[in-house]
């Protein structure tokens, strides 16, 4: 069940209720599931950071042991304007401060 949820992380992360499932998977600190969530959210973390629960998921990925650079590497290469917009966002600012 956990693998199914982690493989559907993008769809669940954008859903008002589904994001709680992804949060639960990440709170288990299972490296395999965390990796699968990260891989499935690769390229979408910047947009998720602007959403209340999406930002929490991105924060959890930043805290995860392992290869968060693989999942979020392009996230931090965002242009200054995009990163500034994120830092000024009520939810995105928490993500920026975590890094």
Foldseek 3Di string as FASTA:
>chain_A
DLLVLLQCLVVLLPDPRSLVSLVVSLVVLDVVSLVSNLVNCAPPLLVLQLDQSSVVSLLSLLVHPDPSCVSCVVVVVDDPVSLVVLCPRPRSVVSVVSD
